[in-house]
Amino acid sequence: MAKNIAVIGDSESIKGFSAIGIDIYPCTEGDDAAHLLRNVADSDRYAIIYVTEQVYSACEKERARYSERITPAVIPVPGVIGNKNTGRARLSSFVEKAVGSDIIFND
């Protein structure tokens, strides 16, 4: 079975993703977002789930359930509300863990 890509976040930030064939799940921060992330991730339909940084921050407990799994990969993306550099910080930590120092951003 082929796996798809989904995006979760506020409707203004994610509506453009549907134009390129990505399944969108509009929601707001809070319990609704955590519940939605759990349902989408547990559906076993998606290999990648993009979430806006606001939702990513609000769903820490839910994200922890999927951090050690290969799929689905839960990846933060900036929303229209603003960029919190969550994705950059996450990538930097992965590089540092793999290489021993941050060779990309040098922070």
C-alpha atoms as a PDB file:
ATOM      1  CA  MET A   1       0.000   0.000   0.000  1.00  0.00           C
ATOM      2  CA  ALA A   2       1.410   3.389  -0.985  1.00  0.00           C
ATOM      3  CA  LYS A   3       1.786   5.946   1.757  1.00  0.00           C
ATOM      4  CA  ASN A   4       0.682   9.532   1.303  1.00  0.00           C
ATOM      5  CA  ILE A   5       1.618  12.918   2.714  1.00  0.00           C
ATOM      6  CA  ALA A   6      -0.582  14.965   5.048  1.00  0.00           C
ATOM      7  CA  VAL A   7      -0.371  18.428   6.558  1.00  0.00           C
ATOM      8  CA  ILE A   8      -2.040  19.628   9.770  1.00  0.00           C
ATOM      9  CA  GLY A   9      -2.425  23.244  10.813  1.00  0.00           C
ATOM     10  CA  ASP A  10      -4.513  26.379  10.621  1.00  0.00           C
ATOM     11  CA  SER A  11      -6.489  26.605   7.388  1.00  0.00           C
ATOM     12  CA  GLU A  12      -4.702  29.711   6.103  1.00  0.00           C
ATOM     13  CA  SER A  13      -1.299  28.036   6.380  1.00  0.00           C
ATOM     14  CA  ILE A  14      -2.189  24.704   4.791  1.00  0.00           C
ATOM     15  CA  LYS A  15      -4.810  25.342   2.106  1.00  0.00           C
ATOM     16  CA  GLY A  16      -2.190  25.646  -0.649  1.00  0.00           C
ATOM     17  CA  PHE A  17      -0.916  22.116  -0.006  1.00  0.00           C
ATOM     18  CA  SER A  18      -4.116  20.616  -1.403  1.00  0.00           C
ATOM     19  CA  ALA A  19      -3.263  22.073  -4.828  1.00  0.00           C
ATOM     20  CA  ILE A  20      -0.281  19.731  -5.070  1.00  0.00           C
ATOM     21  CA  GLY A  21      -2.127  16.631  -3.911  1.00  0.00           C
ATOM     22  CA  ILE A  22      -1.312  16.637  -0.210  1.00  0.00           C
ATOM     23  CA  ASP A  23      -4.141  15.746   2.185  1.00  0.00           C
ATOM     24  CA  ILE A  24      -4.916  18.684   4.466  1.00  0.00           C
ATOM     25  CA  TYR A  25      -6.347  18.613   7.979  1.00  0.00           C
ATOM     26  CA  PRO A  26      -7.253  22.095   9.233  1.00  0.00           C
ATOM     27  CA  CYS A  27      -7.288  22.625  12.979  1.00  0.00           C
ATOM     28  CA  THR A  28      -6.282  25.020  15.699  1.00  0.00           C
ATOM     29  CA  GLU A  29      -3.813  24.581  18.530  1.00  0.00           C
ATOM     30  CA  GLY A  30      -4.718  22.637  21.639  1.00  0.00           C
ATOM     31  CA  ASP A  31      -6.468  19.364  22.315  1.00  0.00           C
ATOM     32  CA  ASP A  32      -8.084  19.328  18.883  1.00  0.00           C
ATOM     33  CA  ALA A  33      -4.655  19.384  17.219  1.00  0.00           C
ATOM     34  CA  ALA A  34      -3.239  16.628  19.439  1.00  0.00           C
ATOM     35  CA  HIS A  35      -6.271  14.416  18.840  1.00  0.00           C
ATOM     36  CA  LEU A  36      -6.132  15.053  15.091  1.00  0.00           C
ATOM     37  CA  LEU A  37      -2.408  14.271  14.913  1.00  0.00           C
ATOM     38  CA  ARG A  38      -2.963  10.996  16.748  1.00  0.00           C
ATOM     39  CA  ASN A  39      -5.810   9.988  14.420  1.00  0.00           C
ATOM     40  CA  VAL A  40      -3.928  10.877  11.237  1.00  0.00           C
ATOM     41  CA  ALA A  41      -0.682   9.202  12.364  1.00  0.00           C
ATOM     42  CA  ASP A  42      -2.404   6.052  13.597  1.00  0.00           C
ATOM     43  CA  SER A  43      -4.365   5.667  10.347  1.00  0.00           C
ATOM     44  CA  ASP A  44      -1.238   4.151   8.736  1.00  0.00           C
ATOM     45  CA  ARG A  45      -1.997   6.038   5.501  1.00  0.00           C
ATOM     46  CA  TYR A  46       0.845   8.558   5.732  1.00  0.00           C
ATOM     47  CA  ALA A  47       4.619   8.324   5.525  1.00  0.00           C
ATOM     48  CA  ILE A  48       5.071  12.055   6.178  1.00  0.00           C
ATOM     49  CA  ILE A  49       2.925  14.391   8.233  1.00  0.00           C
ATOM     50  CA  TYR A  50       3.806  18.069   8.068  1.00  0.00           C
ATOM     51  CA  VAL A  51       2.478  20.174  10.926  1.00  0.00           C
ATOM     52  CA  THR A  52       2.651  23.926  11.340  1.00  0.00           C
ATOM     53  CA  GLU A  53       5.063  25.067  14.032  1.00  0.00           C
ATOM     54  CA  GLN A  54       2.174  26.230  16.224  1.00  0.00           C
ATOM     55  CA  VAL A  55       0.565  22.779  16.123  1.00  0.00           C
ATOM     56  CA  TYR A  56       3.964  21.108  16.489  1.00  0.00           C
ATOM     57  CA  SER A  57       4.557  23.004  19.738  1.00  0.00           C
ATOM     58  CA  ALA A  58       1.066  22.208  21.031  1.00  0.00           C
ATOM     59  CA  CYS A  59       1.376  18.447  20.400  1.00  0.00           C
ATOM     60  CA  GLU A  60       4.563  17.559  22.266  1.00  0.00           C
ATOM     61  CA  LYS A  61       3.111  14.484  23.981  1.00  0.00           C
ATOM     62  CA  GLU A  62       1.640  13.147  20.749  1.00  0.00           C
ATOM     63  CA  ARG A  63       4.867  13.774  18.801  1.00  0.00           C
ATOM     64  CA  ALA A  64       6.824  11.738  21.334  1.00  0.00           C
ATOM     65  CA  ARG A  65       4.761   8.670  20.396  1.00  0.00           C
ATOM     66  CA  TYR A  66       6.090   8.820  16.835  1.00  0.00           C
ATOM     67  CA  SER A  67       9.637  10.107  17.333  1.00  0.00           C
ATOM     68  CA  GLU A  68      11.212   6.633  17.430  1.00  0.00           C
ATOM     69  CA  ARG A  69       9.209   5.233  14.524  1.00  0.00           C
ATOM     70  CA  ILE A  70      10.307   5.346  10.920  1.00  0.00           C
ATOM     71  CA  THR A  71       6.835   6.303   9.723  1.00  0.00           C
ATOM     72  CA  PRO A  72       5.105   8.589   9.969  1.00  0.00           C
ATOM     73  CA  ALA A  73       7.736  11.306  10.041  1.00  0.00           C
ATOM     74  CA  VAL A  74       6.249  14.342  11.800  1.00  0.00           C
ATOM     75  CA  ILE A  75       7.933  17.438  10.383  1.00  0.00           C
ATOM     76  CA  PRO A  76       7.329  21.061  11.420  1.00  0.00           C
ATOM     77  CA  VAL A  77       6.779  23.734   8.769  1.00  0.00           C
ATOM     78  CA  PRO A  78       6.313  27.487   9.275  1.00  0.00           C
ATOM     79  CA  GLY A  79       2.785  28.804   9.146  1.00  0.00           C
ATOM     80  CA  VAL A  80       1.400  32.191   8.176  1.00  0.00           C
ATOM     81  CA  ILE A  81       1.469  33.279  11.816  1.00  0.00           C
ATOM     82  CA  GLY A  82       5.255  33.295  11.828  1.00  0.00           C
ATOM     83  CA  ASN A  83       8.392  31.229  11.912  1.00  0.00           C
ATOM     84  CA  LYS A  84       9.590  30.002  15.298  1.00  0.00           C
ATOM     85  CA  ASN A  85      12.663  28.253  13.803  1.00  0.00           C
ATOM     86  CA  THR A  86      11.437  24.932  15.193  1.00  0.00           C
ATOM     87  CA  GLY A  87      12.341  23.049  12.018  1.00  0.00           C
ATOM     88  CA  ARG A  88      15.790  24.618  11.851  1.00  0.00           C
ATOM     89  CA  ALA A  89      16.522  23.780  15.485  1.00  0.00           C
ATOM     90  CA  ARG A  90      15.344  20.206  14.950  1.00  0.00           C
ATOM     91  CA  LEU A  91      17.514  19.753  11.856  1.00  0.00           C
ATOM     92  CA  SER A  92      20.483  21.253  13.692  1.00  0.00           C
ATOM     93  CA  SER A  93      20.083  18.760  16.549  1.00  0.00           C
ATOM     94  CA  PHE A  94      19.924  15.834  14.091  1.00  0.00           C
ATOM     95  CA  VAL A  95      23.120  16.973  12.369  1.00  0.00           C
ATOM     96  CA  GLU A  96      24.875  17.468  15.686  1.00  0.00           C
ATOM     97  CA  LYS A  97      23.818  14.024  16.862  1.00  0.00           C
ATOM     98  CA  ALA A  98      24.981  12.364  13.637  1.00  0.00           C
ATOM     99  CA  VAL A  99      28.252  14.243  13.106  1.00  0.00           C
ATOM    100  CA  GLY A 100      29.211  15.441  16.557  1.00  0.00           C
ATOM    101  CA  SER A 101      28.910  19.155  15.840  1.00  0.00           C
ATOM    102  CA  ASP A 102      26.588  21.470  13.957  1.00  0.00           C
ATOM    103  CA  ILE A 103      28.322  21.754  10.585  1.00  0.00           C
ATOM    104  CA  ILE A 104      25.321  23.324   8.816  1.00  0.00           C
ATOM    105  CA  PHE A 105      24.242  26.255  10.968  1.00  0.00           C
ATOM    106  CA  ASN A 106      27.268  26.613  13.295  1.00  0.00           C
ATOM    107  CA  ASP A 107      25.170  27.880  16.209  1.00  0.00           C
END
